[in-house]
């Protein structure tokens, strides 16, 4: 540990000790206010039970995202021999010249 980290640990230890001593005299709310410690932080650090489990939410596809079929179509074009040695910016320009719009240039980069 660096000197700064050791000093921070020593400071936090001393502050926690002072907080415990003041809590007995003036109460936890006033002790936290006097030492500049958020009560939420105090309670979080002194929790006796494990943190509550958060349910895992399934990520939803964005409403405007390409469908899997459209992604396959774009990747087929990008991997075709005609465009194999071209950057997505060039492919995008060539396709627009032909009147074909599959997706944005940034989407092509993301898919690759």
PDB file of N, CA and C in Angstrom:
ATOM      1  N   UNK A   1       0.828  -1.181   0.000  1.00  0.00           N
ATOM      2  CA  UNK A   1       0.000   0.000   0.000  1.00  0.00           C
ATOM      3  C   UNK A   1       0.876   1.249   0.000  1.00  0.00           C
ATOM      4  N   UNK A   2       0.389   2.264  -0.655  1.00  0.00           N
ATOM      5  CA  UNK A   2       1.120   3.519  -0.689  1.00  0.00           C
ATOM      6  C   UNK A   2       0.874   4.286   0.614  1.00  0.00           C
ATOM      7  N   UNK A   3       1.648   5.321   0.812  1.00  0.00           N
ATOM      8  CA  UNK A   3       1.486   6.137   2.022  1.00  0.00           C
ATOM      9  C   UNK A   3       0.109   6.785   2.066  1.00  0.00           C
ATOM     10  N   UNK A   4      -0.374   7.224   0.917  1.00  0.00           N
ATOM     11  CA  UNK A   4      -1.692   7.857   0.860  1.00  0.00           C
ATOM     12  C   UNK A   4      -2.785   6.864   1.247  1.00  0.00           C
ATOM     13  N   UNK A   5      -2.670   5.622   0.778  1.00  0.00           N
ATOM     14  CA  UNK A   5      -3.670   4.613   1.115  1.00  0.00           C
ATOM     15  C   UNK A   5      -3.620   4.273   2.601  1.00  0.00           C
ATOM     16  N   UNK A   6      -2.416   4.176   3.149  1.00  0.00           N
ATOM     17  CA  UNK A   6      -2.276   3.899   4.583  1.00  0.00           C
ATOM     18  C   UNK A   6      -2.870   5.045   5.410  1.00  0.00           C
ATOM     19  N   UNK A   7      -2.621   6.276   4.970  1.00  0.00           N
ATOM     20  CA  UNK A   7      -3.174   7.428   5.678  1.00  0.00           C
ATOM     21  C   UNK A   7      -4.696   7.412   5.613  1.00  0.00           C
ATOM     22  N   UNK A   8      -5.261   7.054   4.472  1.00  0.00           N
ATOM     23  CA  UNK A   8      -6.719   6.998   4.324  1.00  0.00           C
ATOM     24  C   UNK A   8      -7.315   5.936   5.234  1.00  0.00           C
ATOM     25  N   UNK A   9      -6.656   4.784   5.328  1.00  0.00           N
ATOM     26  CA  UNK A   9      -7.141   3.714   6.210  1.00  0.00           C
ATOM     27  C   UNK A   9      -7.084   4.171   7.661  1.00  0.00           C
ATOM     28  N   UNK A  10      -5.983   4.802   8.052  1.00  0.00           N
ATOM     29  CA  UNK A  10      -5.846   5.293   9.432  1.00  0.00           C
ATOM     30  C   UNK A  10      -6.906   6.346   9.739  1.00  0.00           C
ATOM     31  N   UNK A  11      -7.156   7.240   8.782  1.00  0.00           N
ATOM     32  CA  UNK A  11      -8.173   8.275   8.971  1.00  0.00           C
ATOM     33  C   UNK A  11      -9.552   7.657   9.149  1.00  0.00           C
ATOM     34  N   UNK A  12      -9.896   6.705   8.277  1.00  0.00           N
ATOM     35  CA  UNK A  12     -11.219   6.070   8.363  1.00  0.00           C
ATOM     36  C   UNK A  12     -11.375   5.310   9.678  1.00  0.00           C
ATOM     37  N   UNK A  13     -10.311   4.661  10.129  1.00  0.00           N
ATOM     38  CA  UNK A  13     -10.370   3.933  11.393  1.00  0.00           C
ATOM     39  C   UNK A  13     -10.611   4.895  12.554  1.00  0.00           C
ATOM     40  N   UNK A  14      -9.873   6.000  12.562  1.00  0.00           N
ATOM     41  CA  UNK A  14     -10.034   6.984  13.626  1.00  0.00           C
ATOM     42  C   UNK A  14     -11.419   7.616  13.575  1.00  0.00           C
ATOM     43  N   UNK A  15     -11.910   7.909  12.382  1.00  0.00           N
ATOM     44  CA  UNK A  15     -13.232   8.514  12.244  1.00  0.00           C
ATOM     45  C   UNK A  15     -14.314   7.555  12.726  1.00  0.00           C
ATOM     46  N   UNK A  16     -14.192   6.267  12.372  1.00  0.00           N
ATOM     47  CA  UNK A  16     -15.179   5.279  12.819  1.00  0.00           C
ATOM     48  C   UNK A  16     -15.166   5.139  14.337  1.00  0.00           C
ATOM     49  N   UNK A  17     -13.983   5.178  14.924  1.00  0.00           N
ATOM     50  CA  UNK A  17     -13.888   5.083  16.378  1.00  0.00           C
ATOM     51  C   UNK A  17     -14.532   6.308  17.037  1.00  0.00           C
ATOM     52  N   UNK A  18     -14.260   7.485  16.504  1.00  0.00           N
ATOM     53  CA  UNK A  18     -14.864   8.701  17.038  1.00  0.00           C
ATOM     54  C   UNK A  18     -16.375   8.664  16.873  1.00  0.00           C
ATOM     55  N   UNK A  19     -16.832   8.129  15.759  1.00  0.00           N
ATOM     56  CA  UNK A  19     -18.269   8.026  15.500  1.00  0.00           C
ATOM     57  C   UNK A  19     -18.932   7.135  16.536  1.00  0.00           C
ATOM     58  N   UNK A  20     -18.302   6.012  16.852  1.00  0.00           N
ATOM     59  CA  UNK A  20     -18.872   5.092  17.848  1.00  0.00           C
ATOM     60  C   UNK A  20     -18.930   5.759  19.220  1.00  0.00           C
ATOM     61  N   UNK A  21     -17.885   6.489  19.578  1.00  0.00           N
ATOM     62  CA  UNK A  21     -17.871   7.162  20.881  1.00  0.00           C
ATOM     63  C   UNK A  21     -18.932   8.264  20.945  1.00  0.00           C
ATOM     64  N   UNK A  22     -19.051   9.051  19.868  1.00  0.00           N
ATOM     65  CA  UNK A  22     -20.042  10.127  19.849  1.00  0.00           C
ATOM     66  C   UNK A  22     -21.467   9.597  19.817  1.00  0.00           C
ATOM     67  N   UNK A  23     -21.663   8.458  19.187  1.00  0.00           N
ATOM     68  CA  UNK A  23     -23.003   7.884  19.083  1.00  0.00           C
ATOM     69  C   UNK A  23     -23.583   7.631  20.462  1.00  0.00           C
ATOM     70  N   UNK A  24     -22.743   7.148  21.375  1.00  0.00           N
ATOM     71  CA  UNK A  24     -23.215   6.900  22.739  1.00  0.00           C
ATOM     72  C   UNK A  24     -23.591   8.176  23.476  1.00  0.00           C
ATOM     73  N   UNK A  25     -22.988   9.303  23.103  1.00  0.00           N
ATOM     74  CA  UNK A  25     -23.239  10.561  23.811  1.00  0.00           C
ATOM     75  C   UNK A  25     -24.387  11.365  23.218  1.00  0.00           C
ATOM     76  N   UNK A  26     -24.402  11.524  21.882  1.00  0.00           N
ATOM     77  CA  UNK A  26     -25.380  12.424  21.268  1.00  0.00           C
ATOM     78  C   UNK A  26     -26.335  11.736  20.293  1.00  0.00           C
ATOM     79  N   UNK A  27     -26.132  10.476  20.030  1.00  0.00           N
ATOM     80  CA  UNK A  27     -26.985   9.763  19.076  1.00  0.00           C
ATOM     81  C   UNK A  27     -26.315   9.668  17.712  1.00  0.00           C
ATOM     82  N   UNK A  28     -26.770   8.696  16.955  1.00  0.00           N
ATOM     83  CA  UNK A  28     -26.126   8.399  15.672  1.00  0.00           C
ATOM     84  C   UNK A  28     -26.318   9.508  14.654  1.00  0.00           C
ATOM     85  N   UNK A  29     -27.497  10.092  14.566  1.00  0.00           N
ATOM     86  CA  UNK A  29     -27.790  11.127  13.578  1.00  0.00           C
ATOM     87  C   UNK A  29     -26.874  12.328  13.786  1.00  0.00           C
ATOM     88  N   UNK A  30     -26.781  12.803  15.008  1.00  0.00           N
ATOM     89  CA  UNK A  30     -25.948  13.970  15.283  1.00  0.00           C
ATOM     90  C   UNK A  30     -24.464  13.634  15.171  1.00  0.00           C
ATOM     91  N   UNK A  31     -24.078  12.419  15.533  1.00  0.00           N
ATOM     92  CA  UNK A  31     -22.672  12.022  15.416  1.00  0.00           C
ATOM     93  C   UNK A  31     -22.254  11.977  13.946  1.00  0.00           C
ATOM     94  N   UNK A  32     -23.100  11.424  13.118  1.00  0.00           N
ATOM     95  CA  UNK A  32     -22.790  11.379  11.678  1.00  0.00           C
ATOM     96  C   UNK A  32     -22.702  12.788  11.105  1.00  0.00           C
ATOM     97  N   UNK A  33     -23.614  13.656  11.506  1.00  0.00           N
ATOM     98  CA  UNK A  33     -23.606  15.034  11.007  1.00  0.00           C
ATOM     99  C   UNK A  33     -22.352  15.765  11.464  1.00  0.00           C
ATOM    100  N   UNK A  34     -21.945  15.549  12.700  1.00  0.00           N
ATOM    101  CA  UNK A  34     -20.774  16.242  13.233  1.00  0.00           C
ATOM    102  C   UNK A  34     -19.489  15.807  12.541  1.00  0.00           C
ATOM    103  N   UNK A  35     -19.405  14.530  12.153  1.00  0.00           N
ATOM    104  CA  UNK A  35     -18.179  14.013  11.544  1.00  0.00           C
ATOM    105  C   UNK A  35     -18.232  14.020  10.018  1.00  0.00           C
ATOM    106  N   UNK A  36     -19.350  14.449   9.466  1.00  0.00           N
ATOM    107  CA  UNK A  36     -19.459  14.520   8.011  1.00  0.00           C
ATOM    108  C   UNK A  36     -19.581  13.166   7.348  1.00  0.00           C
ATOM    109  N   UNK A  37     -20.208  12.220   8.033  1.00  0.00           N
ATOM    110  CA  UNK A  37     -20.397  10.879   7.501  1.00  0.00           C
ATOM    111  C   UNK A  37     -21.866  10.710   7.148  1.00  0.00           C
ATOM    112  N   UNK A  38     -22.134  10.284   5.945  1.00  0.00           N
ATOM    113  CA  UNK A  38     -23.512  10.028   5.551  1.00  0.00           C
ATOM    114  C   UNK A  38     -24.056   8.863   6.364  1.00  0.00           C
ATOM    115  N   UNK A  39     -25.289   8.999   6.867  1.00  0.00           N
ATOM    116  CA  UNK A  39     -25.873   7.893   7.632  1.00  0.00           C
ATOM    117  C   UNK A  39     -26.027   6.652   6.771  1.00  0.00           C
ATOM    118  N   UNK A  40     -26.358   6.838   5.505  1.00  0.00           N
ATOM    119  CA  UNK A  40     -26.508   5.687   4.616  1.00  0.00           C
ATOM    120  C   UNK A  40     -25.180   4.935   4.488  1.00  0.00           C
ATOM    121  N   UNK A  41     -24.093   5.689   4.377  1.00  0.00           N
ATOM    122  CA  UNK A  41     -22.775   5.061   4.295  1.00  0.00           C
ATOM    123  C   UNK A  41     -22.474   4.313   5.581  1.00  0.00           C
ATOM    124  N   UNK A  42     -22.777   4.929   6.729  1.00  0.00           N
ATOM    125  CA  UNK A  42     -22.534   4.275   8.014  1.00  0.00           C
ATOM    126  C   UNK A  42     -23.300   2.962   8.097  1.00  0.00           C
ATOM    127  N   UNK A  43     -24.584   3.004   7.792  1.00  0.00           N
ATOM    128  CA  UNK A  43     -25.403   1.798   7.896  1.00  0.00           C
ATOM    129  C   UNK A  43     -24.963   0.740   6.883  1.00  0.00           C
ATOM    130  N   UNK A  44     -24.546   1.175   5.701  1.00  0.00           N
ATOM    131  CA  UNK A  44     -24.086   0.226   4.688  1.00  0.00           C
ATOM    132  C   UNK A  44     -22.818  -0.489   5.155  1.00  0.00           C
ATOM    133  N   UNK A  45     -21.907   0.241   5.784  1.00  0.00           N
ATOM    134  CA  UNK A  45     -20.648  -0.346   6.233  1.00  0.00           C
ATOM    135  C   UNK A  45     -20.810  -1.197   7.487  1.00  0.00           C
ATOM    136  N   UNK A  46     -21.865  -0.955   8.259  1.00  0.00           N
ATOM    137  CA  UNK A  46     -22.068  -1.693   9.499  1.00  0.00           C
ATOM    138  C   UNK A  46     -23.250  -2.657   9.419  1.00  0.00           C
ATOM    139  N   UNK A  47     -23.580  -3.058   8.231  1.00  0.00           N
ATOM    140  CA  UNK A  47     -24.689  -3.993   8.012  1.00  0.00           C
ATOM    141  C   UNK A  47     -24.324  -5.343   8.616  1.00  0.00           C
ATOM    142  N   UNK A  48     -25.268  -5.958   9.309  1.00  0.00           N
ATOM    143  CA  UNK A  48     -25.022  -7.257   9.921  1.00  0.00           C
ATOM    144  C   UNK A  48     -25.554  -8.400   9.063  1.00  0.00           C
ATOM    145  N   UNK A  49     -26.430  -8.097   8.156  1.00  0.00           N
ATOM    146  CA  UNK A  49     -26.982  -9.119   7.274  1.00  0.00           C
ATOM    147  C   UNK A  49     -26.403  -8.920   5.876  1.00  0.00           C
ATOM    148  N   UNK A  50     -26.457  -9.940   5.044  1.00  0.00           N
ATOM    149  CA  UNK A  50     -25.932  -9.767   3.677  1.00  0.00           C
ATOM    150  C   UNK A  50     -26.774  -8.764   2.892  1.00  0.00           C
ATOM    151  N   UNK A  51     -26.165  -8.187   1.891  1.00  0.00           N
ATOM    152  CA  UNK A  51     -26.876  -7.230   1.041  1.00  0.00           C
ATOM    153  C   UNK A  51     -28.059  -7.925   0.371  1.00  0.00           C
ATOM    154  N   UNK A  52     -29.160  -7.218   0.197  1.00  0.00           N
ATOM    155  CA  UNK A  52     -30.323  -7.844  -0.437  1.00  0.00           C
ATOM    156  C   UNK A  52     -30.012  -8.240  -1.879  1.00  0.00           C
ATOM    157  N   UNK A  53     -30.516  -9.377  -2.262  1.00  0.00           N
ATOM    158  CA  UNK A  53     -30.287  -9.877  -3.618  1.00  0.00           C
ATOM    159  C   UNK A  53     -31.172  -9.109  -4.590  1.00  0.00           C
ATOM    160  N   UNK A  54     -30.571  -8.686  -5.671  1.00  0.00           N
ATOM    161  CA  UNK A  54     -31.336  -7.982  -6.699  1.00  0.00           C
ATOM    162  C   UNK A  54     -31.707  -8.970  -7.798  1.00  0.00           C
ATOM    163  N   UNK A  55     -32.945  -8.949  -8.207  1.00  0.00           N
ATOM    164  CA  UNK A  55     -33.337  -9.881  -9.276  1.00  0.00           C
ATOM    165  C   UNK A  55     -32.652  -9.507 -10.589  1.00  0.00           C
ATOM    166  N   UNK A  56     -32.190 -10.499 -11.311  1.00  0.00           N
ATOM    167  CA  UNK A  56     -31.548 -10.265 -12.601  1.00  0.00           C
ATOM    168  C   UNK A  56     -32.630 -10.035 -13.638  1.00  0.00           C
ATOM    169  N   UNK A  57     -32.528  -8.903 -14.314  1.00  0.00           N
ATOM    170  CA  UNK A  57     -33.509  -8.594 -15.350  1.00  0.00           C
ATOM    171  C   UNK A  57     -32.933  -8.969 -16.698  1.00  0.00           C
ATOM    172  N   UNK A  58     -33.782  -9.508 -17.519  1.00  0.00           N
ATOM    173  CA  UNK A  58     -33.364  -9.862 -18.865  1.00  0.00           C
ATOM    174  C   UNK A  58     -33.276  -8.606 -19.715  1.00  0.00           C
ATOM    175  N   UNK A  59     -32.197  -8.485 -20.462  1.00  0.00           N
ATOM    176  CA  UNK A  59     -32.053  -7.315 -21.322  1.00  0.00           C
ATOM    177  C   UNK A  59     -32.974  -7.456 -22.515  1.00  0.00           C
ATOM    178  N   UNK A  60     -33.720  -6.394 -22.771  1.00  0.00           N
ATOM    179  CA  UNK A  60     -34.620  -6.407 -23.919  1.00  0.00           C
ATOM    180  C   UNK A  60     -33.924  -5.786 -25.110  1.00  0.00           C
ATOM    181  N   UNK A  61     -34.270  -6.259 -26.284  1.00  0.00           N
ATOM    182  CA  UNK A  61     -33.747  -5.646 -27.504  1.00  0.00           C
ATOM    183  C   UNK A  61     -34.417  -4.297 -27.690  1.00  0.00           C
ATOM    184  N   UNK A  62     -33.648  -3.370 -28.190  1.00  0.00           N
ATOM    185  CA  UNK A  62     -34.197  -2.043 -28.467  1.00  0.00           C
ATOM    186  C   UNK A  62     -35.232  -2.169 -29.581  1.00  0.00           C
ATOM    187  N   UNK A  63     -36.246  -1.362 -29.516  1.00  0.00           N
ATOM    188  CA  UNK A  63     -37.345  -1.439 -30.490  1.00  0.00           C
ATOM    189  C   UNK A  63     -36.860  -1.192 -31.920  1.00  0.00           C
ATOM    190  N   UNK A  64     -35.807  -0.367 -32.076  1.00  0.00           N
ATOM    191  CA  UNK A  64     -35.311  -0.055 -33.419  1.00  0.00           C
ATOM    192  C   UNK A  64     -34.106  -0.890 -33.810  1.00  0.00           C
ATOM    193  N   UNK A  65     -33.756  -1.881 -32.998  1.00  0.00           N
ATOM    194  CA  UNK A  65     -32.598  -2.722 -33.313  1.00  0.00           C
ATOM    195  C   UNK A  65     -32.896  -3.575 -34.539  1.00  0.00           C
ATOM    196  N   UNK A  66     -31.827  -3.926 -35.261  1.00  0.00           N
ATOM    197  CA  UNK A  66     -31.990  -4.814 -36.404  1.00  0.00           C
ATOM    198  C   UNK A  66     -32.464  -6.175 -35.926  1.00  0.00           C
ATOM    199  N   UNK A  67     -33.304  -6.803 -36.703  1.00  0.00           N
ATOM    200  CA  UNK A  67     -33.727  -8.161 -36.368  1.00  0.00           C
ATOM    201  C   UNK A  67     -32.563  -9.104 -36.669  1.00  0.00           C
ATOM    202  N   UNK A  68     -32.559 -10.296 -36.095  1.00  0.00           N
ATOM    203  CA  UNK A  68     -31.477 -11.246 -36.391  1.00  0.00           C
ATOM    204  C   UNK A  68     -31.337 -11.526 -37.891  1.00  0.00           C
ATOM    205  N   UNK A  69     -32.454 -11.555 -38.612  1.00  0.00           N
ATOM    206  CA  UNK A  69     -32.402 -11.802 -40.058  1.00  0.00           C
ATOM    207  C   UNK A  69     -31.703 -10.646 -40.774  1.00  0.00           C
ATOM    208  N   UNK A  70     -32.012  -9.410 -40.347  1.00  0.00           N
ATOM    209  CA  UNK A  70     -31.364  -8.247 -40.960  1.00  0.00           C
ATOM    210  C   UNK A  70     -29.870  -8.234 -40.646  1.00  0.00           C
ATOM    211  N   UNK A  71     -29.496  -8.616 -39.439  1.00  0.00           N
ATOM    212  CA  UNK A  71     -28.077  -8.679 -39.087  1.00  0.00           C
ATOM    213  C   UNK A  71     -27.351  -9.686 -39.970  1.00  0.00           C
ATOM    214  N   UNK A  72     -27.973 -10.836 -40.191  1.00  0.00           N
ATOM    215  CA  UNK A  72     -27.364 -11.864 -41.053  1.00  0.00           C
ATOM    216  C   UNK A  72     -27.208 -11.327 -42.465  1.00  0.00           C
ATOM    217  N   UNK A  73     -28.218 -10.620 -42.963  1.00  0.00           N
ATOM    218  CA  UNK A  73     -28.143 -10.065 -44.316  1.00  0.00           C
ATOM    219  C   UNK A  73     -26.995  -9.056 -44.433  1.00  0.00           C
ATOM    220  N   UNK A  74     -26.847  -8.189 -43.433  1.00  0.00           N
ATOM    221  CA  UNK A  74     -25.768  -7.200 -43.447  1.00  0.00           C
ATOM    222  C   UNK A  74     -24.420  -7.900 -43.387  1.00  0.00           C
ATOM    223  N   UNK A  75     -24.281  -8.892 -42.512  1.00  0.00           N
ATOM    224  CA  UNK A  75     -23.010  -9.611 -42.402  1.00  0.00           C
ATOM    225  C   UNK A  75     -22.676 -10.363 -43.683  1.00  0.00           C
ATOM    226  N   UNK A  76     -23.687 -10.916 -44.350  1.00  0.00           N
ATOM    227  CA  UNK A  76     -23.442 -11.588 -45.632  1.00  0.00           C
ATOM    228  C   UNK A  76     -22.877 -10.601 -46.650  1.00  0.00           C
ATOM    229  N   UNK A  77     -23.430  -9.402 -46.692  1.00  0.00           N
ATOM    230  CA  UNK A  77     -22.927  -8.389 -47.623  1.00  0.00           C
ATOM    231  C   UNK A  77     -21.507  -7.979 -47.243  1.00  0.00           C
ATOM    232  N   UNK A  78     -21.266  -7.752 -45.958  1.00  0.00           N
ATOM    233  CA  UNK A  78     -19.945  -7.325 -45.513  1.00  0.00           C
ATOM    234  C   UNK A  78     -18.876  -8.385 -45.752  1.00  0.00           C
ATOM    235  N   UNK A  79     -19.245  -9.646 -45.666  1.00  0.00           N
ATOM    236  CA  UNK A  79     -18.288 -10.734 -45.855  1.00  0.00           C
ATOM    237  C   UNK A  79     -18.210 -11.221 -47.296  1.00  0.00           C
ATOM    238  N   UNK A  80     -19.004 -10.654 -48.183  1.00  0.00           N
ATOM    239  CA  UNK A  80     -18.989 -11.096 -49.579  1.00  0.00           C
ATOM    240  C   UNK A  80     -17.626 -10.775 -50.197  1.00  0.00           C
ATOM    241  N   UNK A  81     -17.204 -11.546 -51.207  1.00  0.00           N
ATOM    242  CA  UNK A  81     -15.892 -11.319 -51.838  1.00  0.00           C
ATOM    243  C   UNK A  81     -15.749  -9.903 -52.414  1.00  0.00           C
ATOM    244  N   UNK A  82     -16.839  -9.322 -52.880  1.00  0.00           N
ATOM    245  CA  UNK A  82     -16.792  -7.979 -53.465  1.00  0.00           C
ATOM    246  C   UNK A  82     -16.336  -6.930 -52.450  1.00  0.00           C
ATOM    247  N   UNK A  83     -16.755  -7.098 -51.207  1.00  0.00           N
ATOM    248  CA  UNK A  83     -16.455  -6.100 -50.182  1.00  0.00           C
ATOM    249  C   UNK A  83     -15.431  -6.574 -49.148  1.00  0.00           C
ATOM    250  N   UNK A  84     -14.796  -7.698 -49.391  1.00  0.00           N
ATOM    251  CA  UNK A  84     -13.899  -8.294 -48.396  1.00  0.00           C
ATOM    252  C   UNK A  84     -12.745  -7.374 -47.997  1.00  0.00           C
ATOM    253  N   UNK A  85     -12.219  -6.601 -48.934  1.00  0.00           N
ATOM    254  CA  UNK A  85     -11.053  -5.767 -48.649  1.00  0.00           C
ATOM    255  C   UNK A  85     -11.415  -4.296 -48.481  1.00  0.00           C
ATOM    256  N   UNK A  86     -12.653  -4.000 -48.158  1.00  0.00           N
ATOM    257  CA  UNK A  86     -13.091  -2.616 -48.026  1.00  0.00           C
ATOM    258  C   UNK A  86     -13.504  -2.314 -46.589  1.00  0.00           C
ATOM    259  N   UNK A  87     -13.324  -1.077 -46.214  1.00  0.00           N
ATOM    260  CA  UNK A  87     -13.764  -0.624 -44.898  1.00  0.00           C
ATOM    261  C   UNK A  87     -15.276  -0.406 -44.929  1.00  0.00           C
ATOM    262  N   UNK A  88     -15.924  -0.498 -43.770  1.00  0.00           N
ATOM    263  CA  UNK A  88     -17.371  -0.279 -43.733  1.00  0.00           C
ATOM    264  C   UNK A  88     -17.798   1.077 -44.302  1.00  0.00           C
ATOM    265  N   UNK A  89     -16.974   2.104 -44.139  1.00  0.00           N
ATOM    266  CA  UNK A  89     -17.324   3.416 -44.696  1.00  0.00           C
ATOM    267  C   UNK A  89     -17.400   3.346 -46.220  1.00  0.00           C
ATOM    268  N   UNK A  90     -16.463   2.628 -46.828  1.00  0.00           N
ATOM    269  CA  UNK A  90     -16.474   2.472 -48.296  1.00  0.00           C
ATOM    270  C   UNK A  90     -17.664   1.632 -48.743  1.00  0.00           C
ATOM    271  N   UNK A  91     -17.927   0.558 -48.020  1.00  0.00           N
ATOM    272  CA  UNK A  91     -19.051  -0.318 -48.371  1.00  0.00           C
ATOM    273  C   UNK A  91     -20.354   0.465 -48.282  1.00  0.00           C
ATOM    274  N   UNK A  92     -20.486   1.253 -47.230  1.00  0.00           N
ATOM    275  CA  UNK A  92     -21.675   2.067 -47.029  1.00  0.00           C
ATOM    276  C   UNK A  92     -21.878   3.010 -48.213  1.00  0.00           C
ATOM    277  N   UNK A  93     -20.795   3.660 -48.657  1.00  0.00           N
ATOM    278  CA  UNK A  93     -20.886   4.601 -49.772  1.00  0.00           C
ATOM    279  C   UNK A  93     -21.255   3.894 -51.067  1.00  0.00           C
ATOM    280  N   UNK A  94     -20.635   2.738 -51.325  1.00  0.00           N
ATOM    281  CA  UNK A  94     -20.931   1.982 -52.552  1.00  0.00           C
ATOM    282  C   UNK A  94     -22.390   1.547 -52.564  1.00  0.00           C
ATOM    283  N   UNK A  95     -22.863   1.036 -51.430  1.00  0.00           N
ATOM    284  CA  UNK A  95     -24.254   0.587 -51.368  1.00  0.00           C
ATOM    285  C   UNK A  95     -25.224   1.749 -51.560  1.00  0.00           C
ATOM    286  N   UNK A  96     -24.902   2.912 -50.991  1.00  0.00           N
ATOM    287  CA  UNK A  96     -25.778   4.077 -51.193  1.00  0.00           C
ATOM    288  C   UNK A  96     -25.785   4.506 -52.650  1.00  0.00           C
ATOM    289  N   UNK A  97     -24.619   4.438 -53.332  1.00  0.00           N
ATOM    290  CA  UNK A  97     -24.577   4.762 -54.757  1.00  0.00           C
ATOM    291  C   UNK A  97     -25.474   3.838 -55.559  1.00  0.00           C
ATOM    292  N   UNK A  98     -25.615   2.606 -55.108  1.00  0.00           N
ATOM    293  CA  UNK A  98     -26.473   1.628 -55.787  1.00  0.00           C
ATOM    294  C   UNK A  98     -27.935   1.759 -55.348  1.00  0.00           C
ATOM    295  N   UNK A  99     -28.192   2.622 -54.379  1.00  0.00           N
ATOM    296  CA  UNK A  99     -29.564   2.799 -53.900  1.00  0.00           C
ATOM    297  C   UNK A  99     -29.983   1.772 -52.872  1.00  0.00           C
ATOM    298  N   UNK A 100     -29.011   1.153 -52.216  1.00  0.00           N
ATOM    299  CA  UNK A 100     -29.305   0.121 -51.215  1.00  0.00           C
ATOM    300  C   UNK A 100     -28.912   0.656 -49.844  1.00  0.00           C
ATOM    301  N   UNK A 101     -29.840   0.629 -48.909  1.00  0.00           N
ATOM    302  CA  UNK A 101     -29.541   1.018 -47.530  1.00  0.00           C
ATOM    303  C   UNK A 101     -29.864  -0.160 -46.632  1.00  0.00           C
ATOM    304  N   UNK A 102     -28.825  -0.739 -46.028  1.00  0.00           N
ATOM    305  CA  UNK A 102     -29.030  -1.863 -45.109  1.00  0.00           C
ATOM    306  C   UNK A 102     -29.066  -1.399 -43.656  1.00  0.00           C
ATOM    307  N   UNK A 103     -28.114  -0.551 -43.315  1.00  0.00           N
ATOM    308  CA  UNK A 103     -28.007  -0.040 -41.947  1.00  0.00           C
ATOM    309  C   UNK A 103     -27.009   1.107 -41.953  1.00  0.00           C
ATOM    310  N   UNK A 104     -26.793   1.722 -40.812  1.00  0.00           N
ATOM    311  CA  UNK A 104     -25.837   2.820 -40.739  1.00  0.00           C
ATOM    312  C   UNK A 104     -24.408   2.290 -40.766  1.00  0.00           C
ATOM    313  N   UNK A 105     -23.489   3.199 -41.027  1.00  0.00           N
ATOM    314  CA  UNK A 105     -22.070   2.841 -41.052  1.00  0.00           C
ATOM    315  C   UNK A 105     -21.609   2.353 -39.678  1.00  0.00           C
ATOM    316  N   UNK A 106     -22.053   3.029 -38.627  1.00  0.00           N
ATOM    317  CA  UNK A 106     -21.648   2.629 -37.277  1.00  0.00           C
ATOM    318  C   UNK A 106     -22.186   1.246 -36.921  1.00  0.00           C
ATOM    319  N   UNK A 107     -23.368   0.888 -37.423  1.00  0.00           N
ATOM    320  CA  UNK A 107     -23.905  -0.432 -37.192  1.00  0.00           C
ATOM    321  C   UNK A 107     -23.068  -1.481 -37.889  1.00  0.00           C
ATOM    322  N   UNK A 108     -22.564  -1.149 -39.079  1.00  0.00           N
ATOM    323  CA  UNK A 108     -21.682  -2.092 -39.776  1.00  0.00           C
ATOM    324  C   UNK A 108     -20.421  -2.355 -38.958  1.00  0.00           C
ATOM    325  N   UNK A 109     -19.839  -1.298 -38.412  1.00  0.00           N
ATOM    326  CA  UNK A 109     -18.662  -1.468 -37.560  1.00  0.00           C
ATOM    327  C   UNK A 109     -18.994  -2.323 -36.341  1.00  0.00           C
ATOM    328  N   UNK A 110     -20.130  -2.061 -35.738  1.00  0.00           N
ATOM    329  CA  UNK A 110     -20.527  -2.808 -34.533  1.00  0.00           C
ATOM    330  C   UNK A 110     -20.723  -4.277 -34.842  1.00  0.00           C
ATOM    331  N   UNK A 111     -21.342  -4.584 -35.978  1.00  0.00           N
ATOM    332  CA  UNK A 111     -21.585  -5.974 -36.342  1.00  0.00           C
ATOM    333  C   UNK A 111     -20.296  -6.713 -36.677  1.00  0.00           C
ATOM    334  N   UNK A 112     -19.351  -5.990 -37.269  1.00  0.00           N
ATOM    335  CA  UNK A 112     -18.072  -6.637 -37.582  1.00  0.00           C
ATOM    336  C   UNK A 112     -17.296  -6.884 -36.303  1.00  0.00           C
TER     337      UNK A 112
END
